[in-house]
């Protein structure tokens, strides 16, 4: 599983770097969940790792100045439960203490 946000943050639109990040995980065939503070994607380890590499390169090329990424290894049962939870982890992804930066999905960072 990977969770990510891209910056700079925009309120009114999805910036090109956010679109590039979302396309990278979509094209990798991952199961994508967009949350209020970031985007999560699940799949096989090789799929996720390839998507993260592409996400980083293409988001930076599209103007991202910061990309926050968290990769987690989930047990099979946890992965199934996590796909329906929309959990606290998503709320924690995308902002760092004191950064004042928002997130992504739904508000312009990562569609």
C-alpha atoms as a PDB file:
ATOM      1  CA  UNK A   1       0.000   0.000   0.000  1.00  0.00           C
ATOM      2  CA  UNK A   2       1.160   3.521  -0.775  1.00  0.00           C
ATOM      3  CA  UNK A   3      -0.286   6.767   0.493  1.00  0.00           C
ATOM      4  CA  UNK A   4       0.815  10.063  -1.021  1.00  0.00           C
ATOM      5  CA  UNK A   5       0.230  13.772  -1.395  1.00  0.00           C
ATOM      6  CA  UNK A   6       1.852  16.282  -3.685  1.00  0.00           C
ATOM      7  CA  UNK A   7       2.508  19.978  -3.247  1.00  0.00           C
ATOM      8  CA  UNK A   8       2.150  22.871  -3.873  1.00  0.00           C
ATOM      9  CA  UNK A   9      -1.373  22.701  -2.638  1.00  0.00           C
ATOM     10  CA  UNK A  10      -4.153  24.354  -4.662  1.00  0.00           C
ATOM     11  CA  UNK A  11      -7.740  24.856  -3.548  1.00  0.00           C
ATOM     12  CA  UNK A  12      -9.494  25.445  -6.837  1.00  0.00           C
ATOM     13  CA  UNK A  13      -8.000  22.904  -9.204  1.00  0.00           C
ATOM     14  CA  UNK A  14      -5.957  19.739  -9.500  1.00  0.00           C
ATOM     15  CA  UNK A  15      -2.482  20.918 -10.462  1.00  0.00           C
ATOM     16  CA  UNK A  16      -0.530  19.030 -13.137  1.00  0.00           C
ATOM     17  CA  UNK A  17       1.710  17.350 -10.536  1.00  0.00           C
ATOM     18  CA  UNK A  18      -1.338  15.945  -8.734  1.00  0.00           C
ATOM     19  CA  UNK A  19      -2.811  14.656 -11.971  1.00  0.00           C
ATOM     20  CA  UNK A  20       0.526  13.013 -12.868  1.00  0.00           C
ATOM     21  CA  UNK A  21       0.659  11.263  -9.473  1.00  0.00           C
ATOM     22  CA  UNK A  22      -2.880   9.945  -9.805  1.00  0.00           C
ATOM     23  CA  UNK A  23      -2.247   8.742 -13.363  1.00  0.00           C
ATOM     24  CA  UNK A  24       0.868   6.855 -12.229  1.00  0.00           C
ATOM     25  CA  UNK A  25      -1.088   4.756  -9.733  1.00  0.00           C
ATOM     26  CA  UNK A  26      -4.045   4.318 -12.079  1.00  0.00           C
ATOM     27  CA  UNK A  27      -1.818   3.123 -14.916  1.00  0.00           C
ATOM     28  CA  UNK A  28      -0.096   0.655 -12.578  1.00  0.00           C
ATOM     29  CA  UNK A  29      -3.439  -1.064 -12.057  1.00  0.00           C
ATOM     30  CA  UNK A  30      -3.595  -0.294  -8.337  1.00  0.00           C
ATOM     31  CA  UNK A  31      -6.821  -0.051  -6.345  1.00  0.00           C
ATOM     32  CA  UNK A  32      -7.015   3.699  -5.657  1.00  0.00           C
ATOM     33  CA  UNK A  33      -8.850   5.416  -2.795  1.00  0.00           C
ATOM     34  CA  UNK A  34      -8.964   9.201  -2.734  1.00  0.00           C
ATOM     35  CA  UNK A  35      -9.318  10.698   0.725  1.00  0.00           C
ATOM     36  CA  UNK A  36      -9.545  14.225   2.078  1.00  0.00           C
ATOM     37  CA  UNK A  37      -5.886  14.341   3.091  1.00  0.00           C
ATOM     38  CA  UNK A  38      -4.213  12.112   0.543  1.00  0.00           C
ATOM     39  CA  UNK A  39      -4.548   9.318  -1.932  1.00  0.00           C
ATOM     40  CA  UNK A  40      -4.015   5.657  -1.129  1.00  0.00           C
ATOM     41  CA  UNK A  41      -3.376   2.831  -3.554  1.00  0.00           C
ATOM     42  CA  UNK A  42      -3.075  -0.903  -3.003  1.00  0.00           C
ATOM     43  CA  UNK A  43      -1.680  -3.705  -5.081  1.00  0.00           C
ATOM     44  CA  UNK A  44       1.066  -6.275  -5.289  1.00  0.00           C
ATOM     45  CA  UNK A  45       4.490  -5.166  -4.032  1.00  0.00           C
ATOM     46  CA  UNK A  46       6.066  -4.968  -7.494  1.00  0.00           C
ATOM     47  CA  UNK A  47       3.130  -2.923  -8.803  1.00  0.00           C
ATOM     48  CA  UNK A  48       3.306  -0.503  -5.879  1.00  0.00           C
ATOM     49  CA  UNK A  49       7.067  -0.038  -6.102  1.00  0.00           C
ATOM     50  CA  UNK A  50       6.954   0.607  -9.838  1.00  0.00           C
ATOM     51  CA  UNK A  51       4.077   3.061  -9.357  1.00  0.00           C
ATOM     52  CA  UNK A  52       5.942   4.945  -6.624  1.00  0.00           C
ATOM     53  CA  UNK A  53       8.984   5.359  -8.851  1.00  0.00           C
ATOM     54  CA  UNK A  54       6.853   6.631 -11.723  1.00  0.00           C
ATOM     55  CA  UNK A  55       4.782   8.821  -9.388  1.00  0.00           C
ATOM     56  CA  UNK A  56       7.905  10.525  -8.032  1.00  0.00           C
ATOM     57  CA  UNK A  57       9.511  11.128 -11.422  1.00  0.00           C
ATOM     58  CA  UNK A  58       6.398  12.324 -13.213  1.00  0.00           C
ATOM     59  CA  UNK A  59       5.064  14.480 -10.364  1.00  0.00           C
ATOM     60  CA  UNK A  60       8.401  16.256 -10.016  1.00  0.00           C
ATOM     61  CA  UNK A  61       8.582  16.731 -13.793  1.00  0.00           C
ATOM     62  CA  UNK A  62       5.068  18.229 -13.650  1.00  0.00           C
ATOM     63  CA  UNK A  63       6.030  20.824 -11.036  1.00  0.00           C
ATOM     64  CA  UNK A  64       5.699  19.205  -7.616  1.00  0.00           C
ATOM     65  CA  UNK A  65       7.905  20.858  -5.022  1.00  0.00           C
ATOM     66  CA  UNK A  66       7.213  18.267  -2.344  1.00  0.00           C
ATOM     67  CA  UNK A  67       5.855  14.738  -2.362  1.00  0.00           C
ATOM     68  CA  UNK A  68       4.980  12.902   0.825  1.00  0.00           C
ATOM     69  CA  UNK A  69       4.935   9.126   0.439  1.00  0.00           C
ATOM     70  CA  UNK A  70       4.260   6.354   2.909  1.00  0.00           C
ATOM     71  CA  UNK A  71       4.593   2.725   1.850  1.00  0.00           C
ATOM     72  CA  UNK A  72       3.138   0.018   4.083  1.00  0.00           C
ATOM     73  CA  UNK A  73       3.201  -3.753   3.835  1.00  0.00           C
ATOM     74  CA  UNK A  74      -0.198  -5.140   4.717  1.00  0.00           C
ATOM     75  CA  UNK A  75      -1.118  -8.640   5.750  1.00  0.00           C
ATOM     76  CA  UNK A  76      -3.775 -10.109   3.481  1.00  0.00           C
ATOM     77  CA  UNK A  77      -6.609  -9.732   6.026  1.00  0.00           C
ATOM     78  CA  UNK A  78      -5.505  -6.203   6.881  1.00  0.00           C
ATOM     79  CA  UNK A  79      -5.449  -5.236   3.205  1.00  0.00           C
ATOM     80  CA  UNK A  80      -9.023  -6.428   2.740  1.00  0.00           C
ATOM     81  CA  UNK A  81     -10.223  -4.561   5.834  1.00  0.00           C
ATOM     82  CA  UNK A  82      -8.251  -1.438   4.901  1.00  0.00           C
ATOM     83  CA  UNK A  83      -9.903  -1.110   1.515  1.00  0.00           C
ATOM     84  CA  UNK A  84     -13.247  -0.485   3.208  1.00  0.00           C
ATOM     85  CA  UNK A  85     -12.117   1.528   6.204  1.00  0.00           C
ATOM     86  CA  UNK A  86     -11.079   4.921   4.779  1.00  0.00           C
ATOM     87  CA  UNK A  87      -9.115   5.054   7.977  1.00  0.00           C
ATOM     88  CA  UNK A  88      -7.299   7.308  10.326  1.00  0.00           C
ATOM     89  CA  UNK A  89      -4.102   6.574   8.390  1.00  0.00           C
ATOM     90  CA  UNK A  90      -5.446   8.550   5.432  1.00  0.00           C
ATOM     91  CA  UNK A  91      -6.173  11.497   7.684  1.00  0.00           C
ATOM     92  CA  UNK A  92      -2.601  11.440   8.946  1.00  0.00           C
ATOM     93  CA  UNK A  93      -1.058  11.225   5.490  1.00  0.00           C
ATOM     94  CA  UNK A  94      -0.381  14.446   3.727  1.00  0.00           C
ATOM     95  CA  UNK A  95       0.409  16.884   6.493  1.00  0.00           C
ATOM     96  CA  UNK A  96       3.347  17.081   8.775  1.00  0.00           C
ATOM     97  CA  UNK A  97       3.214  18.629  12.207  1.00  0.00           C
ATOM     98  CA  UNK A  98       3.693  22.341  11.921  1.00  0.00           C
ATOM     99  CA  UNK A  99       3.879  22.383   8.134  1.00  0.00           C
ATOM    100  CA  UNK A 100       0.530  24.056   7.662  1.00  0.00           C
ATOM    101  CA  UNK A 101       0.320  22.366   4.293  1.00  0.00           C
ATOM    102  CA  UNK A 102      -2.903  20.784   3.399  1.00  0.00           C
ATOM    103  CA  UNK A 103      -3.326  17.812   1.351  1.00  0.00           C
ATOM    104  CA  UNK A 104      -4.323  16.511  -1.696  1.00  0.00           C
ATOM    105  CA  UNK A 105      -7.400  14.850  -2.712  1.00  0.00           C
ATOM    106  CA  UNK A 106     -10.536  16.763  -3.202  1.00  0.00           C
ATOM    107  CA  UNK A 107      -8.797  20.038  -2.495  1.00  0.00           C
ATOM    108  CA  UNK A 108      -6.232  20.325  -5.235  1.00  0.00           C
ATOM    109  CA  UNK A 109      -3.173  18.397  -4.095  1.00  0.00           C
ATOM    110  CA  UNK A 110      -3.677  14.894  -5.431  1.00  0.00           C
ATOM    111  CA  UNK A 111      -6.840  13.886  -7.247  1.00  0.00           C
END
